[in-house]
N, C-alpha and C. Protein backbone atom coordinates (compact mmCIF):
# COMPACT_ATOMS: atom_id res chain seq x y z
N UNK A 1 -65.91 156.35 30.20
CA UNK A 1 -66.14 155.61 31.43
C UNK A 1 -64.80 155.23 32.05
N UNK A 2 -64.75 155.20 33.36
CA UNK A 2 -63.54 154.70 34.00
C UNK A 2 -63.81 153.32 34.55
N UNK A 3 -62.79 152.54 34.66
CA UNK A 3 -62.94 151.20 35.21
C UNK A 3 -63.22 151.29 36.71
N UNK A 4 -64.18 150.54 37.17
CA UNK A 4 -64.58 150.57 38.58
C UNK A 4 -64.19 149.26 39.25
N UNK A 5 -64.03 149.29 40.58
CA UNK A 5 -63.78 148.01 41.27
C UNK A 5 -65.04 147.16 41.18
N UNK A 6 -64.89 145.85 41.20
CA UNK A 6 -66.06 144.98 41.11
C UNK A 6 -66.94 145.10 42.35
N UNK A 7 -68.24 144.95 42.16
CA UNK A 7 -69.19 144.97 43.26
C UNK A 7 -69.19 143.61 43.95
N UNK A 8 -69.57 143.59 45.21
CA UNK A 8 -69.67 142.33 45.95
C UNK A 8 -71.13 141.91 46.01
N UNK A 9 -71.38 140.62 45.97
CA UNK A 9 -72.74 140.11 46.04
C UNK A 9 -72.83 139.15 47.21
N UNK A 10 -73.97 139.15 47.87
CA UNK A 10 -74.21 138.19 48.94
C UNK A 10 -74.99 137.03 48.35
N UNK A 11 -74.31 135.97 48.02
CA UNK A 11 -74.96 134.79 47.45
C UNK A 11 -75.26 133.74 48.51
N UNK A 12 -74.92 134.01 49.76
CA UNK A 12 -75.16 133.06 50.85
C UNK A 12 -76.48 133.37 51.54
N UNK A 13 -77.52 133.61 50.74
CA UNK A 13 -78.82 133.97 51.31
C UNK A 13 -79.80 132.81 51.32
N UNK A 14 -79.34 131.60 50.97
CA UNK A 14 -80.19 130.43 50.99
C UNK A 14 -81.07 130.27 49.76
N UNK A 15 -81.04 131.24 48.85
CA UNK A 15 -81.84 131.15 47.63
C UNK A 15 -81.03 130.54 46.50
N UNK A 16 -81.74 130.01 45.52
CA UNK A 16 -81.08 129.53 44.31
C UNK A 16 -80.82 130.73 43.40
N UNK A 17 -79.65 130.78 42.80
CA UNK A 17 -79.28 131.90 41.93
C UNK A 17 -79.01 131.41 40.52
N UNK A 18 -79.32 132.26 39.57
CA UNK A 18 -79.04 132.00 38.16
C UNK A 18 -77.81 132.81 37.78
N UNK A 19 -76.81 132.14 37.21
CA UNK A 19 -75.56 132.81 36.84
C UNK A 19 -75.20 132.42 35.41
N UNK A 20 -74.75 133.39 34.66
CA UNK A 20 -74.24 133.13 33.31
C UNK A 20 -72.85 133.76 33.22
N UNK A 21 -71.88 132.99 32.79
CA UNK A 21 -70.51 133.48 32.60
C UNK A 21 -70.21 133.37 31.11
N UNK A 22 -69.69 134.44 30.54
CA UNK A 22 -69.40 134.44 29.11
C UNK A 22 -68.04 135.08 28.85
N UNK A 23 -67.40 134.65 27.79
CA UNK A 23 -66.16 135.28 27.32
C UNK A 23 -66.36 135.64 25.85
N UNK A 24 -66.12 136.88 25.53
CA UNK A 24 -66.16 137.34 24.15
C UNK A 24 -64.73 137.68 23.74
N UNK A 25 -64.30 137.26 22.56
CA UNK A 25 -62.92 137.53 22.13
C UNK A 25 -62.72 138.98 21.67
N UNK A 26 -63.65 139.86 22.04
CA UNK A 26 -63.53 141.29 21.79
C UNK A 26 -64.21 141.98 22.97
N UNK A 27 -64.23 143.30 22.98
CA UNK A 27 -64.89 144.05 24.05
C UNK A 27 -66.11 144.73 23.45
N UNK A 28 -67.29 144.10 23.58
CA UNK A 28 -68.50 144.69 23.02
C UNK A 28 -68.79 146.06 23.63
N UNK A 29 -69.05 147.05 22.80
CA UNK A 29 -69.29 148.43 23.25
C UNK A 29 -70.48 148.53 24.20
N UNK A 30 -71.46 147.63 24.07
CA UNK A 30 -72.66 147.73 24.92
C UNK A 30 -72.36 147.50 26.40
N UNK A 31 -71.20 146.94 26.73
CA UNK A 31 -70.85 146.70 28.12
C UNK A 31 -69.84 147.73 28.66
N UNK A 32 -69.57 148.79 27.93
CA UNK A 32 -68.57 149.78 28.34
C UNK A 32 -68.88 150.38 29.71
N UNK A 33 -70.15 150.59 30.01
CA UNK A 33 -70.53 151.17 31.30
C UNK A 33 -70.45 150.20 32.46
N UNK A 34 -70.19 148.92 32.19
CA UNK A 34 -70.15 147.90 33.23
C UNK A 34 -68.73 147.40 33.54
N UNK A 35 -67.72 147.98 32.93
CA UNK A 35 -66.36 147.46 33.08
C UNK A 35 -65.86 147.57 34.51
N UNK A 36 -65.20 146.52 34.97
CA UNK A 36 -64.59 146.47 36.29
C UNK A 36 -63.10 146.23 36.13
N UNK A 37 -62.35 146.55 37.16
CA UNK A 37 -60.90 146.38 37.07
C UNK A 37 -60.36 145.62 38.27
N UNK A 38 -59.41 144.77 38.02
CA UNK A 38 -58.65 144.07 39.05
C UNK A 38 -57.19 144.40 38.80
N UNK A 39 -56.49 144.96 39.76
CA UNK A 39 -55.07 145.27 39.54
C UNK A 39 -54.25 144.06 39.07
N UNK A 40 -54.54 142.89 39.62
CA UNK A 40 -53.77 141.70 39.26
C UNK A 40 -54.03 141.27 37.82
N UNK A 41 -55.16 141.68 37.24
CA UNK A 41 -55.49 141.28 35.86
C UNK A 41 -54.94 142.26 34.83
N UNK A 42 -54.37 143.37 35.27
CA UNK A 42 -53.91 144.42 34.34
C UNK A 42 -52.91 143.88 33.32
N UNK A 43 -52.05 142.97 33.72
CA UNK A 43 -51.05 142.46 32.78
C UNK A 43 -51.66 141.60 31.68
N UNK A 44 -52.92 141.17 31.86
CA UNK A 44 -53.61 140.37 30.83
C UNK A 44 -54.62 141.19 30.04
N UNK A 45 -54.70 142.47 30.31
CA UNK A 45 -55.58 143.36 29.56
C UNK A 45 -54.79 143.95 28.39
N UNK A 46 -54.28 143.07 27.56
CA UNK A 46 -53.42 143.46 26.44
C UNK A 46 -53.94 142.85 25.15
N UNK A 47 -53.58 143.50 24.07
CA UNK A 47 -53.91 142.97 22.75
C UNK A 47 -52.72 142.13 22.30
N UNK A 48 -52.97 140.85 22.09
CA UNK A 48 -51.88 139.94 21.74
C UNK A 48 -51.75 139.67 20.26
N UNK A 49 -52.27 140.55 19.42
CA UNK A 49 -52.17 140.35 17.98
C UNK A 49 -53.45 139.79 17.40
N UNK A 50 -53.43 139.55 16.12
CA UNK A 50 -54.64 139.17 15.39
C UNK A 50 -55.39 137.98 15.99
N UNK A 51 -54.70 136.94 16.42
CA UNK A 51 -55.37 135.75 16.94
C UNK A 51 -55.58 135.80 18.45
N UNK A 52 -55.05 136.82 19.13
CA UNK A 52 -55.16 136.89 20.58
C UNK A 52 -55.53 138.30 21.00
N UNK A 53 -56.72 138.73 20.60
CA UNK A 53 -57.20 140.07 20.91
C UNK A 53 -57.69 140.16 22.36
N UNK A 54 -57.75 141.40 22.86
CA UNK A 54 -58.32 141.66 24.17
C UNK A 54 -59.79 141.28 24.14
N UNK A 55 -60.23 140.52 25.13
CA UNK A 55 -61.62 140.07 25.19
C UNK A 55 -62.29 140.58 26.45
N UNK A 56 -63.46 140.03 26.74
CA UNK A 56 -64.23 140.46 27.90
C UNK A 56 -64.88 139.26 28.58
N UNK A 57 -64.60 139.11 29.88
CA UNK A 57 -65.27 138.11 30.70
C UNK A 57 -66.44 138.83 31.37
N UNK A 58 -67.65 138.29 31.18
CA UNK A 58 -68.83 138.88 31.81
C UNK A 58 -69.51 137.85 32.69
N UNK A 59 -70.01 138.32 33.83
CA UNK A 59 -70.76 137.49 34.76
C UNK A 59 -72.12 138.15 34.96
N UNK A 60 -73.17 137.41 34.66
CA UNK A 60 -74.53 137.89 34.81
C UNK A 60 -75.15 137.15 35.98
N UNK A 61 -75.92 137.85 36.79
CA UNK A 61 -76.48 137.26 38.01
C UNK A 61 -77.98 137.52 38.08
N UNK A 62 -78.74 136.47 38.31
CA UNK A 62 -80.19 136.52 38.50
C UNK A 62 -80.90 137.33 37.41
N UNK A 63 -81.55 138.44 37.74
CA UNK A 63 -82.31 139.23 36.75
C UNK A 63 -81.42 139.78 35.64
N UNK A 64 -80.15 139.95 35.91
CA UNK A 64 -79.22 140.47 34.91
C UNK A 64 -79.00 139.53 33.74
N UNK A 65 -79.31 138.23 33.91
CA UNK A 65 -79.15 137.27 32.82
C UNK A 65 -80.11 137.62 31.69
N UNK A 66 -81.40 137.73 32.01
CA UNK A 66 -82.40 138.05 30.98
C UNK A 66 -82.27 139.48 30.48
N UNK A 67 -81.84 140.39 31.36
CA UNK A 67 -81.72 141.81 30.99
C UNK A 67 -80.43 142.11 30.24
N UNK A 68 -79.54 141.12 30.08
CA UNK A 68 -78.23 141.33 29.45
C UNK A 68 -77.46 142.45 30.15
N UNK A 69 -77.51 142.43 31.50
CA UNK A 69 -76.84 143.43 32.33
C UNK A 69 -75.84 142.71 33.22
N UNK A 70 -74.55 142.77 32.87
CA UNK A 70 -73.56 142.03 33.66
C UNK A 70 -73.33 142.64 35.04
N UNK A 71 -73.18 141.78 36.03
CA UNK A 71 -72.80 142.21 37.36
C UNK A 71 -71.29 142.47 37.40
N UNK A 72 -70.57 141.85 36.47
CA UNK A 72 -69.12 141.99 36.40
C UNK A 72 -68.71 141.88 34.94
N UNK A 73 -67.86 142.79 34.49
CA UNK A 73 -67.34 142.76 33.13
C UNK A 73 -65.86 143.16 33.20
N UNK A 74 -64.98 142.20 32.95
CA UNK A 74 -63.54 142.44 33.10
C UNK A 74 -62.84 142.26 31.76
N UNK A 75 -62.20 143.33 31.26
CA UNK A 75 -61.40 143.19 30.03
C UNK A 75 -60.22 142.28 30.31
N UNK A 76 -60.08 141.24 29.48
CA UNK A 76 -59.06 140.23 29.75
C UNK A 76 -58.72 139.51 28.46
N UNK A 77 -57.45 139.29 28.24
CA UNK A 77 -57.03 138.47 27.11
C UNK A 77 -56.90 137.05 27.66
N UNK A 78 -57.99 136.31 27.61
CA UNK A 78 -58.04 134.98 28.22
C UNK A 78 -56.98 134.03 27.69
N UNK A 79 -56.73 133.96 26.37
CA UNK A 79 -55.66 133.07 25.90
C UNK A 79 -54.30 133.41 26.50
N UNK A 80 -54.01 134.71 26.66
CA UNK A 80 -52.73 135.11 27.27
C UNK A 80 -52.72 134.78 28.77
N UNK A 81 -53.83 135.05 29.47
CA UNK A 81 -53.90 134.82 30.91
C UNK A 81 -53.75 133.34 31.25
N UNK A 82 -54.31 132.47 30.42
CA UNK A 82 -54.26 131.03 30.69
C UNK A 82 -53.12 130.32 29.98
N UNK A 83 -52.37 131.06 29.17
CA UNK A 83 -51.27 130.43 28.42
C UNK A 83 -51.78 129.38 27.46
N UNK A 84 -52.90 129.66 26.79
CA UNK A 84 -53.50 128.69 25.88
C UNK A 84 -52.68 128.51 24.62
N UNK A 85 -52.78 127.34 23.99
CA UNK A 85 -52.09 127.13 22.72
C UNK A 85 -52.66 128.06 21.64
N UNK A 86 -52.01 128.10 20.51
CA UNK A 86 -52.38 129.00 19.42
C UNK A 86 -53.83 128.93 19.00
N UNK A 87 -54.46 127.76 19.08
CA UNK A 87 -55.86 127.65 18.65
C UNK A 87 -56.84 128.06 19.76
N UNK A 88 -56.35 128.40 20.96
CA UNK A 88 -57.20 128.88 22.04
C UNK A 88 -57.99 127.80 22.76
N UNK A 89 -57.66 126.53 22.54
CA UNK A 89 -58.38 125.44 23.19
C UNK A 89 -58.21 125.50 24.70
N UNK A 90 -59.34 125.36 25.43
CA UNK A 90 -59.30 125.37 26.89
C UNK A 90 -60.33 124.39 27.42
N UNK A 91 -60.20 124.03 28.68
CA UNK A 91 -61.16 123.17 29.37
C UNK A 91 -61.99 124.04 30.30
N UNK A 92 -63.24 123.67 30.51
CA UNK A 92 -64.15 124.44 31.37
C UNK A 92 -64.47 123.61 32.60
N UNK A 93 -64.49 124.25 33.76
CA UNK A 93 -64.83 123.55 34.99
C UNK A 93 -65.41 124.50 36.01
N UNK A 94 -65.80 123.99 37.13
CA UNK A 94 -66.39 124.77 38.20
C UNK A 94 -65.63 124.54 39.49
N UNK A 95 -65.61 125.56 40.33
CA UNK A 95 -65.03 125.43 41.66
C UNK A 95 -65.76 126.37 42.60
N UNK A 96 -65.67 126.12 43.89
CA UNK A 96 -66.30 126.98 44.89
C UNK A 96 -65.46 126.91 46.17
N UNK A 97 -65.51 127.98 46.94
CA UNK A 97 -64.76 128.02 48.18
C UNK A 97 -65.40 129.01 49.15
N UNK A 98 -65.14 128.81 50.43
CA UNK A 98 -65.67 129.72 51.45
C UNK A 98 -64.56 130.26 52.36
N UNK A 99 -63.36 129.78 52.21
CA UNK A 99 -62.31 130.15 53.15
C UNK A 99 -62.26 129.14 54.26
N UNK A 100 -62.42 129.60 55.50
CA UNK A 100 -62.33 128.69 56.64
C UNK A 100 -63.69 128.19 57.11
N UNK A 101 -64.76 128.60 56.48
CA UNK A 101 -66.10 128.18 56.90
C UNK A 101 -66.62 127.07 56.02
N UNK A 102 -67.73 126.47 56.44
CA UNK A 102 -68.37 125.40 55.67
C UNK A 102 -69.66 125.94 55.08
N UNK A 103 -69.92 125.56 53.85
CA UNK A 103 -71.17 125.94 53.19
C UNK A 103 -71.38 125.01 52.00
N UNK A 104 -72.61 124.66 51.72
CA UNK A 104 -72.93 123.82 50.57
C UNK A 104 -72.97 124.69 49.32
N UNK A 105 -72.37 124.21 48.25
CA UNK A 105 -72.43 124.86 46.94
C UNK A 105 -73.04 123.85 45.98
N UNK A 106 -74.30 123.99 45.69
CA UNK A 106 -75.01 123.04 44.84
C UNK A 106 -75.16 123.62 43.44
N UNK A 107 -74.61 122.97 42.46
CA UNK A 107 -74.81 123.34 41.06
C UNK A 107 -75.94 122.44 40.57
N UNK A 108 -77.11 123.02 40.35
CA UNK A 108 -78.27 122.21 39.99
C UNK A 108 -78.37 121.99 38.49
N UNK A 109 -77.69 122.81 37.71
CA UNK A 109 -77.69 122.65 36.26
C UNK A 109 -76.59 123.54 35.69
N UNK A 110 -75.95 123.06 34.63
CA UNK A 110 -75.00 123.92 33.94
C UNK A 110 -74.84 123.45 32.52
N UNK A 111 -74.42 124.37 31.67
CA UNK A 111 -74.27 124.09 30.24
C UNK A 111 -73.09 124.89 29.73
N UNK A 112 -72.57 124.47 28.60
CA UNK A 112 -71.45 125.18 27.99
C UNK A 112 -71.71 125.33 26.49
N UNK A 113 -71.28 126.44 25.96
CA UNK A 113 -71.40 126.70 24.53
C UNK A 113 -70.05 127.25 24.06
N UNK A 114 -69.47 126.62 23.06
CA UNK A 114 -68.15 127.09 22.61
C UNK A 114 -68.20 127.80 21.26
N UNK A 115 -69.39 128.18 20.83
CA UNK A 115 -69.53 128.90 19.56
C UNK A 115 -70.41 130.13 19.77
N UNK A 116 -69.93 131.31 19.41
CA UNK A 116 -70.74 132.53 19.56
C UNK A 116 -72.05 132.43 18.79
N UNK A 117 -73.11 132.98 19.37
CA UNK A 117 -74.39 133.02 18.69
C UNK A 117 -75.22 131.75 18.83
N UNK A 118 -74.75 130.79 19.56
CA UNK A 118 -75.50 129.55 19.78
C UNK A 118 -75.92 129.46 21.24
N UNK A 119 -76.99 128.73 21.50
CA UNK A 119 -77.43 128.51 22.87
C UNK A 119 -76.61 127.38 23.49
N UNK A 120 -76.36 127.51 24.78
CA UNK A 120 -75.65 126.45 25.50
C UNK A 120 -76.59 125.27 25.72
N UNK A 121 -76.04 124.09 25.65
CA UNK A 121 -76.84 122.88 25.88
C UNK A 121 -76.29 122.14 27.09
N UNK A 122 -77.21 121.73 28.01
CA UNK A 122 -76.73 121.00 29.21
C UNK A 122 -76.13 119.65 28.86
């Protein structure tokens, strides 16, 4: 498979959307056909040694959440990209932007899970 540019989604349709964002500290083979590439992220698509392996950021949207079909899958060494300390500790947050226009961004629910194989709790 070759890396493809990410697809664009129209989320400004007035509907509520379900989104799941995940980071795996490896690149699961089941997502090989979904890989996307960003030229600016290429410098972080590196293997940083035993404790800082190349990982995968996946974004699932609406029906893709239940189907385990990512809308976006980017190979990325997140600890290297964020300059995280040796133990990989990071903070999680949300942001939204529209550029020069105005639009409401309502987060009606969110949860975080910091352990693989566990469900996120709100």
